Amino acid sequence: MEKYEEIIESNPRHRYMMLDRLRCDCEYYLNYGNRNEKVLWAQNVEDHINLMINLYDSFPESDKPQWITKEQIIEYGKKLKQQ
């Protein structure tokens, strides 16, 4: 995750928006993207989900996004890895 360190250390607003962008990429990949990893921001499922988890974990408990949970991110990972 070193290559994404700059994102994880960015300001909270940017991290929040980035997490939502990554979530949208998951939805597109599963529905209209023909399961093509090139539609994912990180270009591969493993890095994409790991970045989402790291972004989510970067928020203090009181500021975590209300629209997604860590469990939902993990579930996205399982769905994205299915053939």
C-alpha atoms as a PDB file:
ATOM      1  CA  MET A   1       0.000   0.000   0.000  1.00  0.00           C
ATOM      2  CA  GLU A   2       3.013   2.278  -0.063  1.00  0.00           C
ATOM      3  CA  LYS A   3       2.016   3.600  -3.465  1.00  0.00           C
ATOM      4  CA  TYR A   4      -1.285   4.807  -1.953  1.00  0.00           C
ATOM      5  CA  GLU A   5       0.227   6.313   1.175  1.00  0.00           C
ATOM      6  CA  GLU A   6      -0.251   9.863  -0.091  1.00  0.00           C
ATOM      7  CA  ILE A   7      -4.004   9.271  -0.474  1.00  0.00           C
ATOM      8  CA  ILE A   8      -4.359   7.668   2.942  1.00  0.00           C
ATOM      9  CA  GLU A   9      -2.550  10.626   4.513  1.00  0.00           C
ATOM     10  CA  SER A  10      -4.535  13.288   2.632  1.00  0.00           C
ATOM     11  CA  ASN A  11      -7.094  15.534   4.295  1.00  0.00           C
ATOM     12  CA  PRO A  12     -10.319  13.945   5.580  1.00  0.00           C
ATOM     13  CA  ARG A  13     -12.514  15.495   2.895  1.00  0.00           C
ATOM     14  CA  HIS A  14     -10.368  14.050   0.115  1.00  0.00           C
ATOM     15  CA  ARG A  15     -10.271  10.620   1.792  1.00  0.00           C
ATOM     16  CA  TYR A  16     -14.046  10.663   2.203  1.00  0.00           C
ATOM     17  CA  MET A  17     -14.606  11.523  -1.469  1.00  0.00           C
ATOM     18  CA  MET A  18     -12.029   8.976  -2.579  1.00  0.00           C
ATOM     19  CA  LEU A  19     -13.687   6.210  -0.586  1.00  0.00           C
ATOM     20  CA  ASP A  20     -17.004   7.005  -2.264  1.00  0.00           C
ATOM     21  CA  ARG A  21     -15.320   7.028  -5.683  1.00  0.00           C
ATOM     22  CA  LEU A  22     -13.883   3.569  -4.975  1.00  0.00           C
ATOM     23  CA  ARG A  23     -17.316   2.362  -3.843  1.00  0.00           C
ATOM     24  CA  CYS A  24     -18.852   3.636  -7.085  1.00  0.00           C
ATOM     25  CA  ASP A  25     -16.166   1.792  -9.044  1.00  0.00           C
ATOM     26  CA  CYS A  26     -17.160  -1.440  -7.256  1.00  0.00           C
ATOM     27  CA  GLU A  27     -20.797  -0.951  -8.255  1.00  0.00           C
ATOM     28  CA  TYR A  28     -19.837  -0.232 -11.856  1.00  0.00           C
ATOM     29  CA  TYR A  29     -17.512  -3.253 -11.989  1.00  0.00           C
ATOM     30  CA  LEU A  30     -20.266  -5.533 -10.701  1.00  0.00           C
ATOM     31  CA  ASN A  31     -23.086  -4.143 -12.858  1.00  0.00           C
ATOM     32  CA  TYR A  32     -21.937  -2.524 -16.098  1.00  0.00           C
ATOM     33  CA  GLY A  33     -18.175  -2.890 -16.192  1.00  0.00           C
ATOM     34  CA  ASN A  34     -18.135  -6.492 -17.407  1.00  0.00           C
ATOM     35  CA  ARG A  35     -15.934  -7.354 -14.407  1.00  0.00           C
ATOM     36  CA  ASN A  36     -13.020  -5.626 -16.123  1.00  0.00           C
ATOM     37  CA  GLU A  37     -10.393  -4.586 -13.559  1.00  0.00           C
ATOM     38  CA  LYS A  38      -9.475  -1.590 -15.711  1.00  0.00           C
ATOM     39  CA  VAL A  39     -12.673   0.134 -14.512  1.00  0.00           C
ATOM     40  CA  LEU A  40     -11.361   0.009 -10.939  1.00  0.00           C
ATOM     41  CA  TRP A  41      -9.350   3.017  -9.792  1.00  0.00           C
ATOM     42  CA  ALA A  42      -6.567   0.766  -8.457  1.00  0.00           C
ATOM     43  CA  GLN A  43      -6.674  -1.382 -11.623  1.00  0.00           C
ATOM     44  CA  ASN A  44      -6.967  -4.639  -9.637  1.00  0.00           C
ATOM     45  CA  VAL A  45      -9.406  -6.023  -7.097  1.00  0.00           C
ATOM     46  CA  GLU A  46      -6.919  -6.726  -4.298  1.00  0.00           C
ATOM     47  CA  ASP A  47      -5.383  -3.230  -4.230  1.00  0.00           C
ATOM     48  CA  HIS A  48      -8.782  -1.603  -4.693  1.00  0.00           C
ATOM     49  CA  ILE A  49     -10.348  -3.306  -1.678  1.00  0.00           C
ATOM     50  CA  ASN A  50      -7.220  -2.862   0.452  1.00  0.00           C
ATOM     51  CA  LEU A  51      -7.232   0.859  -0.325  1.00  0.00           C
ATOM     52  CA  MET A  52     -10.911   1.086   0.632  1.00  0.00           C
ATOM     53  CA  ILE A  53     -10.232  -0.652   3.946  1.00  0.00           C
ATOM     54  CA  ASN A  54      -7.225   1.553   4.674  1.00  0.00           C
ATOM     55  CA  LEU A  55      -9.201   4.690   3.863  1.00  0.00           C
ATOM     56  CA  TYR A  56     -12.074   3.583   6.072  1.00  0.00           C
ATOM     57  CA  ASP A  57      -9.678   2.751   8.906  1.00  0.00           C
ATOM     58  CA  SER A  58      -7.973   6.152   8.546  1.00  0.00           C
ATOM     59  CA  PHE A  59     -11.016   7.892  10.046  1.00  0.00           C
ATOM     60  CA  PRO A  60     -11.432   8.100  13.806  1.00  0.00           C
ATOM     61  CA  GLU A  61     -14.447   6.149  15.065  1.00  0.00           C
ATOM     62  CA  SER A  62     -16.492   9.319  15.500  1.00  0.00           C
ATOM     63  CA  ASP A  63     -15.898  10.431  11.880  1.00  0.00           C
ATOM     64  CA  LYS A  64     -16.310   7.168   9.972  1.00  0.00           C
ATOM     65  CA  PRO A  65     -18.617   7.462   6.950  1.00  0.00           C
ATOM     66  CA  GLN A  66     -22.219   6.581   7.751  1.00  0.00           C
ATOM     67  CA  TRP A  67     -22.948   5.303   4.240  1.00  0.00           C
ATOM     68  CA  ILE A  68     -20.555   2.334   4.291  1.00  0.00           C
ATOM     69  CA  THR A  69     -19.159  -0.077   6.869  1.00  0.00           C
ATOM     70  CA  LYS A  70     -15.985  -2.117   6.923  1.00  0.00           C
ATOM     71  CA  GLU A  71     -18.149  -5.238   6.601  1.00  0.00           C
ATOM     72  CA  GLN A  72     -19.693  -3.855   3.407  1.00  0.00           C
ATOM     73  CA  ILE A  73     -16.230  -3.183   1.983  1.00  0.00           C
ATOM     74  CA  ILE A  74     -15.199  -6.757   2.772  1.00  0.00           C
ATOM     75  CA  GLU A  75     -18.390  -7.972   1.097  1.00  0.00           C
ATOM     76  CA  TYR A  76     -17.535  -5.927  -2.012  1.00  0.00           C
ATOM     77  CA  GLY A  77     -14.170  -7.693  -2.008  1.00  0.00           C
ATOM     78  CA  LYS A  78     -15.852 -11.097  -1.984  1.00  0.00           C
ATOM     79  CA  LYS A  79     -18.234 -10.127  -4.787  1.00  0.00           C
ATOM     80  CA  LEU A  80     -15.475  -8.634  -6.931  1.00  0.00           C
ATOM     81  CA  LYS A  81     -13.378 -11.799  -6.597  1.00  0.00           C
ATOM     82  CA  GLN A  82     -16.221 -14.111  -7.677  1.00  0.00           C
ATOM     83  CA  GLN A  83     -16.019 -15.396 -11.226  1.00  0.00           C
END
